[in-house]
Protein backbone atom coordinates (compact mmCIF):
# COMPACT_ATOMS: atom_id res chain seq x y z
CA MET A 1 -0.10 -0.19 0.01
CA ALA A 2 1.73 2.67 -1.20
CA GLY A 3 1.79 6.24 0.67
CA VAL A 4 0.85 4.72 4.08
CA GLU A 5 2.94 4.27 7.23
CA GLU A 6 4.57 0.94 7.73
CA SER A 7 2.71 1.27 11.16
CA SER A 8 -0.90 1.43 9.95
CA ARG A 9 -0.72 -0.60 7.51
CA PRO A 10 -1.91 -4.20 9.57
CA ARG A 11 -5.03 -1.96 11.44
CA ILE A 12 -6.33 -0.85 7.97
CA ALA A 13 -5.56 -4.65 6.10
CA ILE A 14 -7.56 -6.01 9.48
CA LEU A 15 -10.29 -3.15 9.26
CA LEU A 16 -10.72 -4.00 5.61
CA ALA A 17 -10.91 -7.35 6.28
CA LEU A 18 -13.49 -7.18 9.14
CA VAL A 19 -15.71 -5.03 6.40
CA GLY A 20 -15.24 -7.97 3.96
CA VAL A 21 -16.58 -10.05 7.09
CA GLY A 22 -19.12 -7.42 7.43
CA LEU A 23 -20.10 -7.25 4.27
CA ILE A 24 -20.96 -11.30 3.43
CA LEU A 25 -22.48 -11.38 7.38
CA ALA A 26 -25.00 -8.40 5.78
CA GLY A 27 -25.27 -10.31 2.50
CA LEU A 28 -26.58 -13.41 4.61
CA ALA A 29 -28.79 -11.58 6.59
CA LEU A 30 -30.59 -10.16 3.70
CA VAL A 31 -30.85 -13.71 2.25
CA ILE A 32 -32.24 -14.77 5.20
CA ASP A 33 -35.05 -11.88 5.44
CA GLN A 34 -36.02 -11.85 1.52
CA PHE A 35 -36.06 -16.10 2.17
CA ARG A 36 -38.48 -15.68 5.09
CA GLU A 37 -41.10 -13.30 3.22
CA THR A 38 -41.16 -15.32 0.68
CA LEU A 39 -41.82 -18.33 3.38
CA ALA A 40 -44.47 -16.00 4.75
CA SER A 41 -46.29 -14.92 1.45
CA GLN A 42 -46.80 -18.02 0.51
CA PRO A 43 -49.48 -20.63 1.13
CA PRO A 44 -48.95 -23.44 2.90
CA ARG A 45 -47.73 -26.14 0.57
CA SER A 46 -46.94 -29.73 1.07
CA THR A 47 -44.24 -31.24 3.45
CA ALA A 48 -42.10 -32.41 0.38
CA ALA A 49 -42.05 -29.17 -0.78
CA ALA A 50 -41.11 -27.62 2.59
CA ASN A 51 -38.26 -29.96 3.25
CA ARG A 52 -36.78 -28.89 -0.25
CA GLN A 53 -36.71 -25.83 1.00
CA ILE A 54 -35.30 -26.70 3.99
CA VAL A 55 -32.40 -28.22 2.81
CA GLN A 56 -32.05 -25.81 0.45
CA ALA A 57 -31.69 -22.82 3.17
CA ARG A 58 -29.25 -25.55 4.72
CA ALA A 59 -27.48 -25.58 1.98
CA ILE A 60 -26.86 -21.58 1.17
CA ARG A 61 -26.46 -21.31 4.96
CA TYR A 62 -23.45 -24.15 5.02
CA VAL A 63 -21.92 -22.82 1.60
CA LEU A 64 -21.64 -19.13 2.93
CA PHE A 65 -20.11 -20.26 6.09
CA LEU A 66 -17.54 -21.93 4.13
CA THR A 67 -17.06 -18.78 2.63
CA ILE A 68 -16.48 -17.06 5.77
CA VAL A 69 -14.09 -19.81 6.54
CA LEU A 70 -12.42 -19.04 3.09
CA VAL A 71 -11.88 -15.54 3.87
CA GLY A 72 -10.53 -15.96 7.14
CA VAL A 73 -8.05 -18.19 5.91
CA PHE A 74 -7.09 -15.90 2.80
CA SER A 75 -6.72 -13.32 5.45
CA VAL A 76 -4.54 -15.02 7.15
CA ALA A 77 -2.18 -16.34 4.66
CA THR A 78 -2.10 -13.15 2.88
CA LEU A 79 -0.45 -11.37 6.41
CA ALA A 80 1.56 -14.34 6.58
CA PHE A 81 2.97 -13.91 3.07
CA LEU A 82 3.04 -10.27 3.56
CA ARG A 83 5.41 -10.36 6.90
CA TRP A 84 7.28 -12.83 5.44
CA SER A 85 8.18 -11.00 2.09
CA ARG A 86 8.64 -8.00 4.07
CA HIS A 87 10.76 -9.66 6.03
CA PHE A 88 12.64 -11.06 3.10
CA ARG A 89 12.84 -7.65 1.61
CA ARG A 90 14.61 -5.75 4.48
CA TRP A 91 17.24 -9.68 3.88
CA LEU A 92 17.91 -8.72 0.50
CA LEU A 93 18.18 -5.13 1.21
CA ARG A 94 20.90 -5.23 4.05
CA LYS A 95 23.89 -3.59 4.41
CA PRO A 96 26.72 -5.61 3.43
CA PRO A 97 28.90 -6.38 6.53
CA PRO A 98 32.20 -4.38 6.98
CA ALA A 99 35.35 -5.50 5.05
CA THR A 100 37.68 -8.06 7.36
CA PRO A 101 41.08 -6.11 7.77
CA ASP A 102 43.68 -7.36 5.17
CA GLY A 103 46.61 -4.84 5.71
CA ASP A 104 48.81 -7.33 7.45
CA VAL A 105 47.45 -10.64 7.04
CA TRP A 106 51.09 -12.22 8.01
CA ALA A 107 51.01 -10.32 11.01
CA MET A 108 47.67 -11.30 12.08
CA HIS A 109 48.97 -15.13 11.59
CA ARG A 110 50.25 -17.06 14.89
CA LEU A 111 51.80 -20.22 14.70
CA PRO A 112 51.65 -22.90 16.41
CA GLU A 113 54.16 -23.48 19.67
CA GLN A 114 56.15 -26.20 18.16
CA ALA A 115 56.80 -24.04 14.94
CA ASN A 116 58.78 -21.88 17.41
CA ALA A 117 61.27 -24.85 18.25
CA PRO A 118 64.73 -24.79 16.07
CA PRO A 119 64.75 -27.47 13.52
CA ASP A 120 66.31 -30.79 14.15
CA ASP A 121 69.61 -30.15 12.83
CA GLU A 122 70.23 -27.65 15.39
CA LEU A 123 69.03 -29.35 18.10
CA PRO A 124 71.73 -30.38 20.95
CA PRO A 125 73.77 -34.11 20.67
CA GLN A 126 71.44 -36.44 22.73
CA ASP A 127 73.21 -39.44 24.63
CA GLU A 128 73.29 -42.81 23.41
CA ASP A 129 72.36 -44.65 26.35
CA GLU A 130 68.78 -42.54 26.76
CA TYR A 131 67.82 -44.00 23.10
CA PRO A 132 68.74 -46.78 21.98
CA GLU A 133 68.80 -47.58 18.50
CA SER A 134 66.90 -50.87 18.59
CA PRO A 135 64.79 -52.35 20.85
CA PRO A 136 65.76 -56.04 21.83
CA THR A 137 64.25 -58.74 19.88
């Protein structure tokens, strides 16, 4: 809804949904009123015709009830979709995260403790008694 503040949009949508349900209920009331007037103006009929009218009235009431249920489901689904799409739009249009500093990457790297040890050829000689050359077999 262009030109409408973000905070008032849910109120307007709920108001429009309530107006729609109100119009459906008003139509239902008018249909029932019309049906009662036609029944009052007609002479009494046989029970089969009266039963048929009762069945038709129940069918109309059932269809109107399902219409109200469908309007409710449509309203909830529309509200859920709108909330999801707004959230997704914010996610798409978000600012990218700040760049990682990369001025001196090697200075930021720390070697493990063993890497600071001198190479093997610079190690002091070991006593031969401590480490025999081969295990006894």
